[in-house]
């Protein structure tokens, strides 16, 4: 699968958080997140491994019992079933890959 960059196709599951699935295959799915300063991603779990990279901005990530100050260029990997969330400290852009494919993130 190949997709050209586009400013279309974003959805907003939470206030201050926009997301767009970029590409997906049989085993992985890549999503771009546009995160507004002051917004929060509530702590949650899911059965997917989640690997992320912060393209720009700054976040406080909560991964299990640890928390991290993430800055542009930092990355993470969250095992399935680990509780996680984030506070958005600056307008940010993150790219995350999920495995297996998150059915709820597939384009409609």
Protein backbone atom coordinates (compact mmCIF):
# COMPACT_ATOMS: atom_id res chain seq x y z
CA UNK A 1 0.00 0.00 0.00
CA UNK A 2 1.21 3.52 -0.81
CA UNK A 3 -0.52 6.75 0.11
CA UNK A 4 0.36 10.33 -0.82
CA UNK A 5 0.37 12.96 1.92
CA UNK A 6 -3.02 14.66 2.34
CA UNK A 7 -4.58 17.05 4.83
CA UNK A 8 -7.88 15.16 4.55
CA UNK A 9 -9.18 12.15 6.45
CA UNK A 10 -8.66 13.22 10.07
CA UNK A 11 -11.16 12.35 12.78
CA UNK A 12 -11.37 13.72 16.29
CA UNK A 13 -12.08 10.97 18.84
CA UNK A 14 -11.36 13.33 21.78
CA UNK A 15 -11.24 17.09 22.16
CA UNK A 16 -7.82 18.35 21.10
CA UNK A 17 -6.82 15.06 19.47
CA UNK A 18 -7.04 14.41 15.74
CA UNK A 19 -6.00 11.16 14.11
CA UNK A 20 -5.64 9.72 10.65
CA UNK A 21 -4.69 6.22 9.60
CA UNK A 22 -1.85 6.60 7.10
CA UNK A 23 -1.36 3.02 5.87
CA UNK A 24 -2.08 -0.51 6.99
CA UNK A 25 -1.32 -4.07 6.02
CA UNK A 26 -2.14 -7.53 7.28
CA UNK A 27 -0.19 -7.14 10.54
CA UNK A 28 0.38 -3.42 11.22
CA UNK A 29 -1.40 -0.09 11.02
CA UNK A 30 0.26 3.37 11.10
CA UNK A 31 -1.57 6.41 12.47
CA UNK A 32 -0.71 10.11 12.68
CA UNK A 33 -1.92 12.03 15.73
CA UNK A 34 -2.21 15.84 15.88
CA UNK A 35 -2.32 16.75 19.57
CA UNK A 36 -3.27 20.18 20.94
CA UNK A 37 -1.57 21.66 23.99
CA UNK A 38 -3.66 21.12 27.14
CA UNK A 39 -5.53 18.06 25.87
CA UNK A 40 -5.41 14.69 27.60
CA UNK A 41 -5.42 11.13 26.37
CA UNK A 42 -7.08 9.27 29.27
CA UNK A 43 -5.37 6.15 30.61
CA UNK A 44 -6.57 3.05 28.79
CA UNK A 45 -5.52 -0.40 27.63
CA UNK A 46 -5.94 -2.43 24.45
CA UNK A 47 -4.66 -5.75 23.09
CA UNK A 48 -2.33 -4.12 20.53
CA UNK A 49 1.40 -3.51 20.73
CA UNK A 50 1.89 0.22 20.14
CA UNK A 51 5.16 1.74 18.92
CA UNK A 52 5.39 5.52 18.69
CA UNK A 53 7.65 8.38 17.62
CA UNK A 54 7.17 12.03 18.59
CA UNK A 55 7.74 14.10 15.45
CA UNK A 56 7.29 17.47 17.17
CA UNK A 57 6.14 18.87 20.49
CA UNK A 58 6.25 17.65 24.08
CA UNK A 59 4.15 15.12 26.03
CA UNK A 60 4.00 13.56 29.45
CA UNK A 61 3.51 9.85 28.78
CA UNK A 62 2.12 7.49 31.38
CA UNK A 63 3.22 3.92 30.64
CA UNK A 64 2.17 1.43 33.29
CA UNK A 65 3.50 2.73 36.61
CA UNK A 66 6.12 5.00 34.97
CA UNK A 67 5.82 8.46 33.47
CA UNK A 68 8.12 10.11 30.95
CA UNK A 69 8.64 13.59 29.55
CA UNK A 70 8.73 12.97 25.78
CA UNK A 71 10.24 15.49 23.37
CA UNK A 72 10.57 15.54 19.60
CA UNK A 73 12.72 12.62 18.49
CA UNK A 74 11.76 10.36 21.41
CA UNK A 75 10.08 6.99 20.86
CA UNK A 76 8.28 4.28 22.85
CA UNK A 77 6.87 0.81 22.64
CA UNK A 78 3.87 -0.22 24.75
CA UNK A 79 3.16 -3.90 25.26
CA UNK A 80 -0.40 -5.21 24.83
CA UNK A 81 -2.57 -4.72 27.92
CA UNK A 82 -0.33 -2.08 29.56
CA UNK A 83 -2.28 0.92 30.85
CA UNK A 84 -1.12 4.16 29.24
CA UNK A 85 -2.17 7.77 28.61
CA UNK A 86 -0.72 11.21 27.96
CA UNK A 87 -0.91 14.91 28.78
CA UNK A 88 -0.14 17.16 25.83
CA UNK A 89 2.32 19.84 27.01
CA UNK A 90 2.82 21.52 23.59
CA UNK A 91 1.10 21.21 20.23
CA UNK A 92 2.50 17.89 19.03
CA UNK A 93 2.59 15.39 16.19
CA UNK A 94 3.08 11.68 16.88
CA UNK A 95 3.26 8.68 14.56
CA UNK A 96 2.23 5.32 16.02
CA UNK A 97 2.18 1.77 14.67
CA UNK A 98 -0.23 -0.83 16.06
CA UNK A 99 0.01 -4.61 15.79
CA UNK A 100 -2.20 -6.42 15.19
CA UNK A 101 -4.18 -4.01 13.02
CA UNK A 102 -6.66 -1.93 15.01
CA UNK A 103 -9.97 -2.62 13.29
CA UNK A 104 -11.46 0.53 14.87
CA UNK A 105 -8.82 2.66 13.11
CA UNK A 106 -9.43 1.32 9.59
CA UNK A 107 -10.71 4.00 7.20
CA UNK A 108 -14.44 3.90 6.69
